[in-house]
PDB file of N, CA and C in Angstrom:
ATOM      1  N   MET A   1      14.355  -7.881   2.428  1.00  0.00           N
ATOM      2  CA  MET A   1      12.859  -7.478   2.995  1.00  0.00           C
ATOM      3  C   MET A   1      13.172  -6.635   4.365  1.00  0.00           C
ATOM      4  N   ALA A   2      12.507  -5.515   4.520  1.00  0.00           N
ATOM      5  CA  ALA A   2      12.434  -4.615   5.564  1.00  0.00           C
ATOM      6  C   ALA A   2      11.896  -5.174   6.683  1.00  0.00           C
ATOM      7  N   LYS A   3      12.360  -5.011   7.863  1.00  0.00           N
ATOM      8  CA  LYS A   3      11.980  -5.613   9.237  1.00  0.00           C
ATOM      9  C   LYS A   3      10.785  -4.710   9.672  1.00  0.00           C
ATOM     10  N   GLY A   4       9.731  -5.419  10.303  1.00  0.00           N
ATOM     11  CA  GLY A   4       8.502  -4.665  10.976  1.00  0.00           C
ATOM     12  C   GLY A   4       7.656  -4.047   9.916  1.00  0.00           C
ATOM     13  N   VAL A   5       7.558  -4.400   8.633  1.00  0.00           N
ATOM     14  CA  VAL A   5       6.695  -3.765   7.618  1.00  0.00           C
ATOM     15  C   VAL A   5       5.463  -4.229   7.903  1.00  0.00           C
ATOM     16  N   LYS A   6       4.200  -3.400   8.251  1.00  0.00           N
ATOM     17  CA  LYS A   6       2.858  -4.054   8.367  1.00  0.00           C
ATOM     18  C   LYS A   6       2.006  -3.163   7.416  1.00  0.00           C
ATOM     19  N   PRO A   7       1.208  -3.836   6.582  1.00  0.00           N
ATOM     20  CA  PRO A   7       0.294  -3.081   5.677  1.00  0.00           C
ATOM     21  C   PRO A   7      -0.910  -3.120   6.279  1.00  0.00           C
ATOM     22  N   ARG A   8      -1.826  -2.003   6.502  1.00  0.00           N
ATOM     23  CA  ARG A   8      -3.176  -1.937   7.073  1.00  0.00           C
ATOM     24  C   ARG A   8      -3.762  -1.246   5.941  1.00  0.00           C
ATOM     25  N   VAL A   9      -5.315  -1.783   5.726  1.00  0.00           N
ATOM     26  CA  VAL A   9      -6.307  -1.167   5.032  1.00  0.00           C
ATOM     27  C   VAL A   9      -7.340  -1.055   5.512  1.00  0.00           C
ATOM     28  N   LYS A  10      -8.163  -0.122   4.909  1.00  0.00           N
ATOM     29  CA  LYS A  10      -9.649   0.140   5.749  1.00  0.00           C
ATOM     30  C   LYS A  10     -10.680   0.086   4.731  1.00  0.00           C
ATOM     31  N   VAL A  11     -11.475  -0.990   4.638  1.00  0.00           N
ATOM     32  CA  VAL A  11     -12.451  -0.953   3.443  1.00  0.00           C
ATOM     33  C   VAL A  11     -13.856  -1.254   4.027  1.00  0.00           C
ATOM     34  N   PRO A  12     -14.840  -0.589   3.626  1.00  0.00           N
ATOM     35  CA  PRO A  12     -16.306  -0.990   4.533  1.00  0.00           C
ATOM     36  C   PRO A  12     -16.483  -2.340   4.206  1.00  0.00           C
ATOM     37  N   LYS A  13     -17.261  -2.933   5.077  1.00  0.00           N
ATOM     38  CA  LYS A  13     -17.574  -4.294   4.915  1.00  0.00           C
ATOM     39  C   LYS A  13     -18.741  -4.543   3.768  1.00  0.00           C
ATOM     40  N   SER A  14     -19.626  -3.318   3.534  1.00  0.00           N
ATOM     41  CA  SER A  14     -20.506  -3.612   2.516  1.00  0.00           C
ATOM     42  C   SER A  14     -20.766  -2.116   1.863  1.00  0.00           C
ATOM     43  N   ALA A  15     -21.269  -2.539   0.754  1.00  0.00           N
ATOM     44  CA  ALA A  15     -21.709  -1.099  -0.110  1.00  0.00           C
ATOM     45  C   ALA A  15     -22.761  -1.325  -1.018  1.00  0.00           C
ATOM     46  N   SER A  16     -23.529  -0.375  -1.528  1.00  0.00           N
ATOM     47  CA  SER A  16     -24.604  -0.589  -2.660  1.00  0.00           C
ATOM     48  C   SER A  16     -23.922  -0.652  -4.042  1.00  0.00           C
ATOM     49  N   ALA A  17     -24.276  -1.458  -4.877  1.00  0.00           N
ATOM     50  CA  ALA A  17     -23.853  -1.707  -6.411  1.00  0.00           C
ATOM     51  C   ALA A  17     -23.869  -0.037  -6.870  1.00  0.00           C
ATOM     52  N   GLY A  18     -22.656   0.168  -7.290  1.00  0.00           N
ATOM     53  CA  GLY A  18     -22.246   1.446  -8.005  1.00  0.00           C
ATOM     54  C   GLY A  18     -21.932   2.530  -6.926  1.00  0.00           C
ATOM     55  N   GLU A  19     -21.840   2.402  -5.547  1.00  0.00           N
ATOM     56  CA  GLU A  19     -21.624   3.233  -4.568  1.00  0.00           C
ATOM     57  C   GLU A  19     -20.287   3.647  -4.851  1.00  0.00           C
ATOM     58  N   THR A  20     -19.802   4.927  -4.497  1.00  0.00           N
ATOM     59  CA  THR A  20     -18.626   5.540  -4.365  1.00  0.00           C
ATOM     60  C   THR A  20     -18.046   5.556  -2.861  1.00  0.00           C
ATOM     61  N   ILE A  21     -17.049   4.282  -2.591  1.00  0.00           N
ATOM     62  CA  ILE A  21     -16.551   4.428  -1.062  1.00  0.00           C
ATOM     63  C   ILE A  21     -15.294   4.890  -1.017  1.00  0.00           C
ATOM     64  N   THR A  22     -14.754   5.172   0.192  1.00  0.00           N
ATOM     65  CA  THR A  22     -13.387   5.786   0.650  1.00  0.00           C
ATOM     66  C   THR A  22     -12.674   4.665   1.239  1.00  0.00           C
ATOM     67  N   LEU A  23     -11.573   4.467   0.502  1.00  0.00           N
ATOM     68  CA  LEU A  23     -10.467   3.408   1.054  1.00  0.00           C
ATOM     69  C   LEU A  23      -9.528   4.252   1.640  1.00  0.00           C
ATOM     70  N   LYS A  24      -8.911   3.590   2.745  1.00  0.00           N
ATOM     71  CA  LYS A  24      -7.201   4.221   3.433  1.00  0.00           C
ATOM     72  C   LYS A  24      -6.518   3.091   3.528  1.00  0.00           C
ATOM     73  N   THR A  25      -5.378   3.473   3.325  1.00  0.00           N
ATOM     74  CA  THR A  25      -4.305   2.472   3.528  1.00  0.00           C
ATOM     75  C   THR A  25      -2.940   3.251   4.234  1.00  0.00           C
ATOM     76  N   LEU A  26      -2.282   2.395   4.936  1.00  0.00           N
ATOM     77  CA  LEU A  26      -1.188   2.773   5.763  1.00  0.00           C
ATOM     78  C   LEU A  26      -0.012   1.583   5.658  1.00  0.00           C
ATOM     79  N   ILE A  27       1.070   1.668   5.464  1.00  0.00           N
ATOM     80  CA  ILE A  27       2.190   0.567   5.705  1.00  0.00           C
ATOM     81  C   ILE A  27       3.140   1.123   6.479  1.00  0.00           C
ATOM     82  N   SER A  28       3.312   0.529   7.584  1.00  0.00           N
ATOM     83  CA  SER A  28       4.511   0.936   8.352  1.00  0.00           C
ATOM     84  C   SER A  28       5.787   0.445   7.950  1.00  0.00           C
ATOM     85  N   HIS A  29       6.423   1.401   7.568  1.00  0.00           N
ATOM     86  CA  HIS A  29       7.814   1.103   6.871  1.00  0.00           C
ATOM     87  C   HIS A  29       9.014   2.193   7.184  1.00  0.00           C
ATOM     88  N   LYS A  30      10.073   1.926   7.514  1.00  0.00           N
ATOM     89  CA  LYS A  30      11.138   2.830   7.969  1.00  0.00           C
ATOM     90  C   LYS A  30      11.521   3.873   6.792  1.00  0.00           C
ATOM     91  N   MET A  31      11.456   3.318   5.578  1.00  0.00           N
ATOM     92  CA  MET A  31      11.863   4.053   4.479  1.00  0.00           C
ATOM     93  C   MET A  31      13.452   4.515   4.632  1.00  0.00           C
ATOM     94  N   GLU A  32      14.213   3.933   4.320  1.00  0.00           N
ATOM     95  CA  GLU A  32      15.735   3.797   4.529  1.00  0.00           C
ATOM     96  C   GLU A  32      16.158   4.659   3.249  1.00  0.00           C
ATOM     97  N   SER A  33      16.848   5.547   3.232  1.00  0.00           N
ATOM     98  CA  SER A  33      17.312   6.394   2.221  1.00  0.00           C
ATOM     99  C   SER A  33      18.799   5.679   1.465  1.00  0.00           C
ATOM    100  N   GLY A  34      19.389   4.773   2.251  1.00  0.00           N
ATOM    101  CA  GLY A  34      20.659   4.501   1.753  1.00  0.00           C
ATOM    102  C   GLY A  34      21.842   5.369   1.982  1.00  0.00           C
ATOM    103  N   GLN A  35      21.571   6.457   2.740  1.00  0.00           N
ATOM    104  CA  GLN A  35      22.470   7.538   3.059  1.00  0.00           C
ATOM    105  C   GLN A  35      22.814   7.389   4.643  1.00  0.00           C
ATOM    106  N   ARG A  36      22.096   6.654   5.354  1.00  0.00           N
ATOM    107  CA  ARG A  36      22.502   6.373   6.856  1.00  0.00           C
ATOM    108  C   ARG A  36      23.500   5.378   7.189  1.00  0.00           C
ATOM    109  N   LYS A  37      24.270   5.393   8.139  1.00  0.00           N
ATOM    110  CA  LYS A  37      25.208   4.291   8.686  1.00  0.00           C
ATOM    111  C   LYS A  37      24.661   3.686   9.795  1.00  0.00           C
ATOM    112  N   ASP A  38      24.947   2.458  10.064  1.00  0.00           N
ATOM    113  CA  ASP A  38      24.780   1.873  11.202  1.00  0.00           C
ATOM    114  C   ASP A  38      25.712   2.151  12.302  1.00  0.00           C
ATOM    115  N   SER A  39      25.838   1.453  13.606  1.00  0.00           N
ATOM    116  CA  SER A  39      26.703   1.623  14.531  1.00  0.00           C
ATOM    117  C   SER A  39      28.294   1.443  14.328  1.00  0.00           C
ATOM    118  N   ASP A  40      28.270   0.572  13.330  1.00  0.00           N
ATOM    119  CA  ASP A  40      29.640  -0.100  12.700  1.00  0.00           C
ATOM    120  C   ASP A  40      30.337   0.856  11.506  1.00  0.00           C
ATOM    121  N   GLY A  41      29.471   1.746  11.204  1.00  0.00           N
ATOM    122  CA  GLY A  41      29.942   2.538  10.217  1.00  0.00           C
ATOM    123  C   GLY A  41      29.636   2.264   8.813  1.00  0.00           C
ATOM    124  N   ASN A  42      28.772   0.932   8.589  1.00  0.00           N
ATOM    125  CA  ASN A  42      28.143   0.492   7.452  1.00  0.00           C
ATOM    126  C   ASN A  42      27.026   1.262   6.809  1.00  0.00           C
ATOM    127  N   VAL A  43      26.946   1.449   5.608  1.00  0.00           N
ATOM    128  CA  VAL A  43      25.943   2.044   5.168  1.00  0.00           C
ATOM    129  C   VAL A  43      24.692   1.111   4.951  1.00  0.00           C
ATOM    130  N   ILE A  44      23.459   1.574   5.529  1.00  0.00           N
ATOM    131  CA  ILE A  44      22.424   0.967   5.632  1.00  0.00           C
ATOM    132  C   ILE A  44      21.682   1.020   4.477  1.00  0.00           C
ATOM    133  N   PRO A  45      21.391  -0.246   3.551  1.00  0.00           N
ATOM    134  CA  PRO A  45      21.053  -0.351   2.343  1.00  0.00           C
ATOM    135  C   PRO A  45      19.615   0.659   2.312  1.00  0.00           C
ATOM    136  N   ARG A  46      19.398   0.961   0.998  1.00  0.00           N
ATOM    137  CA  ARG A  46      18.305   1.756   0.675  1.00  0.00           C
ATOM    138  C   ARG A  46      17.128   0.895   0.601  1.00  0.00           C
ATOM    139  N   SER A  47      15.842   1.313   1.061  1.00  0.00           N
ATOM    140  CA  SER A  47      14.534   0.440   1.125  1.00  0.00           C
ATOM    141  C   SER A  47      13.715   1.298   1.391  1.00  0.00           C
ATOM    142  N   ILE A  48      12.898   1.750   0.160  1.00  0.00           N
ATOM    143  CA  ILE A  48      12.042   2.777  -0.062  1.00  0.00           C
ATOM    144  C   ILE A  48      10.819   2.194  -0.790  1.00  0.00           C
ATOM    145  N   ILE A  49       9.310   2.247  -0.285  1.00  0.00           N
ATOM    146  CA  ILE A  49       8.534   1.803  -1.091  1.00  0.00           C
ATOM    147  C   ILE A  49       8.319   2.950  -2.327  1.00  0.00           C
ATOM    148  N   ASN A  50       8.365   2.300  -3.613  1.00  0.00           N
ATOM    149  CA  ASN A  50       8.476   2.935  -4.759  1.00  0.00           C
ATOM    150  C   ASN A  50       7.127   2.988  -5.418  1.00  0.00           C
ATOM    151  N   ARG A  51       6.231   1.995  -5.151  1.00  0.00           N
ATOM    152  CA  ARG A  51       4.879   2.109  -5.903  1.00  0.00           C
ATOM    153  C   ARG A  51       3.831   1.439  -5.075  1.00  0.00           C
ATOM    154  N   PHE A  52       2.641   1.886  -5.284  1.00  0.00           N
ATOM    155  CA  PHE A  52       1.492   1.157  -4.655  1.00  0.00           C
ATOM    156  C   PHE A  52       0.394   0.994  -5.709  1.00  0.00           C
ATOM    157  N   THR A  53      -0.559   0.012  -5.492  1.00  0.00           N
ATOM    158  CA  THR A  53      -1.384  -0.353  -6.379  1.00  0.00           C
ATOM    159  C   THR A  53      -2.544  -0.949  -5.806  1.00  0.00           C
ATOM    160  N   CYS A  54      -3.873  -0.702  -6.204  1.00  0.00           N
ATOM    161  CA  CYS A  54      -4.803  -1.281  -5.654  1.00  0.00           C
ATOM    162  C   CYS A  54      -5.930  -1.963  -6.855  1.00  0.00           C
ATOM    163  N   ASP A  55      -6.106  -3.094  -6.798  1.00  0.00           N
ATOM    164  CA  ASP A  55      -7.049  -3.625  -7.737  1.00  0.00           C
ATOM    165  C   ASP A  55      -8.396  -4.073  -7.303  1.00  0.00           C
ATOM    166  N   PHE A  56      -9.218  -4.143  -7.907  1.00  0.00           N
ATOM    167  CA  PHE A  56     -10.633  -4.745  -7.440  1.00  0.00           C
ATOM    168  C   PHE A  56     -10.887  -5.785  -8.665  1.00  0.00           C
ATOM    169  N   ASP A  57     -10.840  -7.049  -7.951  1.00  0.00           N
ATOM    170  CA  ASP A  57     -11.350  -8.334  -8.993  1.00  0.00           C
ATOM    171  C   ASP A  57     -10.249  -8.222 -10.128  1.00  0.00           C
ATOM    172  N   GLY A  58      -9.180  -7.864 -10.113  1.00  0.00           N
ATOM    173  CA  GLY A  58      -8.140  -7.836 -11.164  1.00  0.00           C
ATOM    174  C   GLY A  58      -8.337  -6.390 -12.173  1.00  0.00           C
ATOM    175  N   GLN A  59      -9.234  -5.611 -11.830  1.00  0.00           N
ATOM    176  CA  GLN A  59      -9.140  -4.328 -12.341  1.00  0.00           C
ATOM    177  C   GLN A  59      -8.472  -3.294 -11.716  1.00  0.00           C
ATOM    178  N   ASN A  60      -7.555  -2.583 -12.334  1.00  0.00           N
ATOM    179  CA  ASN A  60      -6.714  -1.530 -11.597  1.00  0.00           C
ATOM    180  C   ASN A  60      -7.881  -0.406 -11.058  1.00  0.00           C
ATOM    181  N   VAL A  61      -7.613   0.069  -9.861  1.00  0.00           N
ATOM    182  CA  VAL A  61      -8.338   1.349  -9.335  1.00  0.00           C
ATOM    183  C   VAL A  61      -7.259   2.383  -9.345  1.00  0.00           C
ATOM    184  N   ILE A  62      -5.882   2.145  -8.745  1.00  0.00           N
ATOM    185  CA  ILE A  62      -4.994   3.171  -8.554  1.00  0.00           C
ATOM    186  C   ILE A  62      -3.771   2.586  -8.893  1.00  0.00           C
ATOM    187  N   ASP A  63      -2.724   3.223  -9.258  1.00  0.00           N
ATOM    188  CA  ASP A  63      -1.660   3.000  -9.460  1.00  0.00           C
ATOM    189  C   ASP A  63      -0.545   4.261  -9.384  1.00  0.00           C
ATOM    190  N   VAL A  64       0.273   4.178  -8.027  1.00  0.00           N
ATOM    191  CA  VAL A  64       0.954   5.440  -7.711  1.00  0.00           C
ATOM    192  C   VAL A  64       2.358   4.946  -7.675  1.00  0.00           C
ATOM    193  N   THR A  65       3.406   5.948  -8.222  1.00  0.00           N
ATOM    194  CA  THR A  65       4.693   5.855  -8.353  1.00  0.00           C
ATOM    195  C   THR A  65       5.226   6.880  -7.361  1.00  0.00           C
ATOM    196  N   MET A  66       5.858   6.568  -6.436  1.00  0.00           N
ATOM    197  CA  MET A  66       6.502   7.250  -5.233  1.00  0.00           C
ATOM    198  C   MET A  66       7.710   7.613  -5.523  1.00  0.00           C
ATOM    199  N   GLU A  67       8.374   8.681  -5.092  1.00  0.00           N
ATOM    200  CA  GLU A  67       9.690   9.178  -5.243  1.00  0.00           C
ATOM    201  C   GLU A  67      10.456   9.021  -3.971  1.00  0.00           C
ATOM    202  N   PRO A  68      11.683   9.051  -4.004  1.00  0.00           N
ATOM    203  CA  PRO A  68      12.575   8.784  -2.644  1.00  0.00           C
ATOM    204  C   PRO A  68      12.090   9.917  -1.472  1.00  0.00           C
ATOM    205  N   ALA A  69      11.446  10.931  -1.749  1.00  0.00           N
ATOM    206  CA  ALA A  69      10.967  12.007  -0.872  1.00  0.00           C
ATOM    207  C   ALA A  69       9.879  11.646  -0.121  1.00  0.00           C
ATOM    208  N   ILE A  70       9.375  10.518  -0.292  1.00  0.00           N
ATOM    209  CA  ILE A  70       8.039  10.054   0.169  1.00  0.00           C
ATOM    210  C   ILE A  70       8.181   9.737   1.796  1.00  0.00           C
ATOM    211  N   SER A  71       7.221  10.062   2.514  1.00  0.00           N
ATOM    212  CA  SER A  71       7.489   9.995   3.892  1.00  0.00           C
ATOM    213  C   SER A  71       7.494   8.405   4.483  1.00  0.00           C
ATOM    214  N   THR A  72       8.023   8.244   5.740  1.00  0.00           N
ATOM    215  CA  THR A  72       7.885   6.979   6.338  1.00  0.00           C
ATOM    216  C   THR A  72       6.609   6.786   6.544  1.00  0.00           C
ATOM    217  N   ASN A  73       6.279   5.520   6.685  1.00  0.00           N
ATOM    218  CA  ASN A  73       4.856   5.030   6.772  1.00  0.00           C
ATOM    219  C   ASN A  73       3.602   5.904   6.066  1.00  0.00           C
ATOM    220  N   PRO A  74       3.806   5.499   4.631  1.00  0.00           N
ATOM    221  CA  PRO A  74       3.030   6.423   3.614  1.00  0.00           C
ATOM    222  C   PRO A  74       1.721   5.884   3.714  1.00  0.00           C
ATOM    223  N   TYR A  75       0.813   6.851   3.790  1.00  0.00           N
ATOM    224  CA  TYR A  75      -0.652   6.783   4.074  1.00  0.00           C
ATOM    225  C   TYR A  75      -1.413   7.432   2.683  1.00  0.00           C
ATOM    226  N   PHE A  76      -2.557   6.417   2.233  1.00  0.00           N
ATOM    227  CA  PHE A  76      -3.189   6.754   1.150  1.00  0.00           C
ATOM    228  C   PHE A  76      -4.373   6.894   1.551  1.00  0.00           C
ATOM    229  N   GLN A  77      -5.344   7.816   0.985  1.00  0.00           N
ATOM    230  CA  GLN A  77      -6.886   7.857   1.082  1.00  0.00           C
ATOM    231  C   GLN A  77      -7.377   8.013  -0.289  1.00  0.00           C
ATOM    232  N   PHE A  78      -8.371   7.222  -0.924  1.00  0.00           N
ATOM    233  CA  PHE A  78      -8.817   7.468  -2.187  1.00  0.00           C
ATOM    234  C   PHE A  78     -10.254   6.999  -2.271  1.00  0.00           C
ATOM    235  N   GLU A  79     -10.967   7.371  -3.397  1.00  0.00           N
ATOM    236  CA  GLU A  79     -12.231   6.604  -3.550  1.00  0.00           C
ATOM    237  C   GLU A  79     -12.237   5.551  -4.788  1.00  0.00           C
ATOM    238  N   ALA A  80     -13.161   4.934  -4.653  1.00  0.00           N
ATOM    239  CA  ALA A  80     -13.303   3.868  -5.685  1.00  0.00           C
ATOM    240  C   ALA A  80     -15.015   3.464  -5.589  1.00  0.00           C
ATOM    241  N   VAL A  81     -15.276   3.020  -6.872  1.00  0.00           N
ATOM    242  CA  VAL A  81     -16.867   2.811  -7.103  1.00  0.00           C
ATOM    243  C   VAL A  81     -16.797   1.225  -7.249  1.00  0.00           C
ATOM    244  N   VAL A  82     -17.835   0.702  -6.263  1.00  0.00           N
ATOM    245  CA  VAL A  82     -17.829  -0.823  -6.155  1.00  0.00           C
ATOM    246  C   VAL A  82     -19.293  -1.109  -7.294  1.00  0.00           C
ATOM    247  N   PRO A  83     -18.711  -1.894  -8.313  1.00  0.00           N
ATOM    248  CA  PRO A  83     -19.914  -2.275  -9.169  1.00  0.00           C
ATOM    249  C   PRO A  83     -20.434  -3.705  -8.822  1.00  0.00           C
ATOM    250  N   SER A  84     -19.855  -4.235  -7.965  1.00  0.00           N
ATOM    251  CA  SER A  84     -20.390  -5.661  -7.225  1.00  0.00           C
ATOM    252  C   SER A  84     -19.612  -6.188  -6.264  1.00  0.00           C
ATOM    253  N   ALA A  85     -19.919  -7.374  -5.544  1.00  0.00           N
ATOM    254  CA  ALA A  85     -19.344  -7.811  -4.532  1.00  0.00           C
ATOM    255  C   ALA A  85     -18.152  -8.408  -5.153  1.00  0.00           C
ATOM    256  N   GLY A  86     -16.892  -8.309  -4.255  1.00  0.00           N
ATOM    257  CA  GLY A  86     -15.531  -8.706  -4.739  1.00  0.00           C
ATOM    258  C   GLY A  86     -14.534  -8.536  -3.674  1.00  0.00           C
ATOM    259  N   GLU A  87     -13.307  -8.415  -4.193  1.00  0.00           N
ATOM    260  CA  GLU A  87     -12.233  -8.192  -3.340  1.00  0.00           C
ATOM    261  C   GLU A  87     -11.237  -7.316  -3.763  1.00  0.00           C
ATOM    262  N   PHE A  88     -10.887  -6.292  -2.886  1.00  0.00           N
ATOM    263  CA  PHE A  88      -9.801  -5.180  -3.043  1.00  0.00           C
ATOM    264  C   PHE A  88      -8.358  -6.076  -2.934  1.00  0.00           C
ATOM    265  N   LYS A  89      -7.318  -5.622  -3.670  1.00  0.00           N
ATOM    266  CA  LYS A  89      -5.940  -6.304  -3.285  1.00  0.00           C
ATOM    267  C   LYS A  89      -5.032  -4.986  -3.247  1.00  0.00           C
ATOM    268  N   PHE A  90      -4.306  -4.827  -2.237  1.00  0.00           N
ATOM    269  CA  PHE A  90      -3.718  -3.726  -2.066  1.00  0.00           C
ATOM    270  C   PHE A  90      -2.144  -4.261  -2.289  1.00  0.00           C
ATOM    271  N   THR A  91      -1.271  -3.573  -2.866  1.00  0.00           N
ATOM    272  CA  THR A  91       0.146  -3.863  -3.268  1.00  0.00           C
ATOM    273  C   THR A  91       1.059  -2.814  -2.892  1.00  0.00           C
ATOM    274  N   TRP A  92       2.157  -3.158  -2.331  1.00  0.00           N
ATOM    275  CA  TRP A  92       3.176  -2.086  -1.894  1.00  0.00           C
ATOM    276  C   TRP A  92       4.398  -2.735  -2.752  1.00  0.00           C
ATOM    277  N   TYR A  93       5.349  -2.105  -3.410  1.00  0.00           N
ATOM    278  CA  TYR A  93       6.415  -2.659  -3.789  1.00  0.00           C
ATOM    279  C   TYR A  93       7.760  -1.776  -3.186  1.00  0.00           C
ATOM    280  N   ASP A  94       8.534  -2.397  -2.829  1.00  0.00           N
ATOM    281  CA  ASP A  94       9.976  -2.006  -2.256  1.00  0.00           C
ATOM    282  C   ASP A  94      11.117  -1.982  -3.178  1.00  0.00           C
ATOM    283  N   ASP A  95      12.033  -0.992  -2.996  1.00  0.00           N
ATOM    284  CA  ASP A  95      13.342  -0.956  -3.786  1.00  0.00           C
ATOM    285  C   ASP A  95      14.033  -2.042  -3.762  1.00  0.00           C
ATOM    286  N   ASP A  96      13.907  -2.813  -2.718  1.00  0.00           N
ATOM    287  CA  ASP A  96      14.827  -4.013  -2.345  1.00  0.00           C
ATOM    288  C   ASP A  96      14.270  -5.426  -3.058  1.00  0.00           C
ATOM    289  N   GLY A  97      13.219  -4.973  -3.687  1.00  0.00           N
ATOM    290  CA  GLY A  97      12.300  -6.191  -4.373  1.00  0.00           C
ATOM    291  C   GLY A  97      11.253  -6.821  -3.692  1.00  0.00           C
ATOM    292  N   SER A  98      11.055  -6.621  -2.389  1.00  0.00           N
ATOM    293  CA  SER A  98      10.126  -7.030  -1.509  1.00  0.00           C
ATOM    294  C   SER A  98       8.789  -6.597  -2.199  1.00  0.00           C
ATOM    295  N   VAL A  99       7.735  -7.428  -1.970  1.00  0.00           N
ATOM    296  CA  VAL A  99       6.546  -6.922  -2.197  1.00  0.00           C
ATOM    297  C   VAL A  99       5.345  -7.269  -1.019  1.00  0.00           C
ATOM    298  N   TYR A 100       4.733  -6.035  -0.629  1.00  0.00           N
ATOM    299  CA  TYR A 100       3.761  -6.491   0.345  1.00  0.00           C
ATOM    300  C   TYR A 100       2.260  -6.369   0.023  1.00  0.00           C
ATOM    301  N   GLU A 101       1.533  -7.198   0.227  1.00  0.00           N
ATOM    302  CA  GLU A 101       0.062  -7.234  -0.113  1.00  0.00           C
ATOM    303  C   GLU A 101      -0.887  -7.566   1.005  1.00  0.00           C
ATOM    304  N   LYS A 102      -1.902  -7.133   0.975  1.00  0.00           N
ATOM    305  CA  LYS A 102      -3.125  -7.013   1.463  1.00  0.00           C
ATOM    306  C   LYS A 102      -4.466  -7.014   0.817  1.00  0.00           C
ATOM    307  N   SER A 103      -5.439  -8.007   1.341  1.00  0.00           N
ATOM    308  CA  SER A 103      -6.665  -8.191   0.404  1.00  0.00           C
ATOM    309  C   SER A 103      -7.762  -7.966   1.430  1.00  0.00           C
ATOM    310  N   LYS A 104      -8.930  -7.390   0.991  1.00  0.00           N
ATOM    311  CA  LYS A 104     -10.020  -7.139   1.667  1.00  0.00           C
ATOM    312  C   LYS A 104     -11.328  -7.304   0.662  1.00  0.00           C
ATOM    313  N   LYS A 105     -12.215  -8.182   1.448  1.00  0.00           N
ATOM    314  CA  LYS A 105     -13.518  -8.447   0.554  1.00  0.00           C
ATOM    315  C   LYS A 105     -14.605  -7.329   0.943  1.00  0.00           C
ATOM    316  N   ILE A 106     -15.581  -7.125  -0.051  1.00  0.00           N
ATOM    317  CA  ILE A 106     -16.373  -6.116   0.175  1.00  0.00           C
ATOM    318  C   ILE A 106     -17.935  -6.919  -0.349  1.00  0.00           C
ATOM    319  N   ALA A 107     -18.758  -6.862   0.474  1.00  0.00           N
ATOM    320  CA  ALA A 107     -20.126  -7.586   0.154  1.00  0.00           C
ATOM    321  C   ALA A 107     -21.152  -6.169  -0.510  1.00  0.00           C
ATOM    322  N   VAL A 108     -22.044  -6.613  -1.513  1.00  0.00           N
ATOM    323  CA  VAL A 108     -22.914  -5.398  -1.887  1.00  0.00           C
ATOM    324  C   VAL A 108     -24.247  -5.821  -1.165  1.00  0.00           C
ATOM    325  N   ALA A 109     -24.800  -4.810  -0.459  1.00  0.00           N
ATOM    326  CA  ALA A 109     -25.949  -4.881   0.355  1.00  0.00           C
ATOM    327  C   ALA A 109     -27.249  -4.605  -0.691  1.00  0.00           C
TER     328      ALA A 109
END
């Protein structure tokens, strides 16, 4: 597991049923390529976020496969329709097998 990884998401607290909202995500992650060496000359193992998903109450909203050229601290902004009150679950998958998750609830006003 990479050190200092911090997922952050921005979801409105409430929306009207059927409203399209904007979701924003950022994960703090160094994205090691596996080509650099530490001060002792040892190769630093590859650790790259390779997939991001967002689900709303178990229904997939977005599923992104990322390639090694993705930048450090990947940021995503996308839209989703809110059918009812529920919970968004955001998941990032790392090459090293680590999975980082963050959830946010949204109310229907």
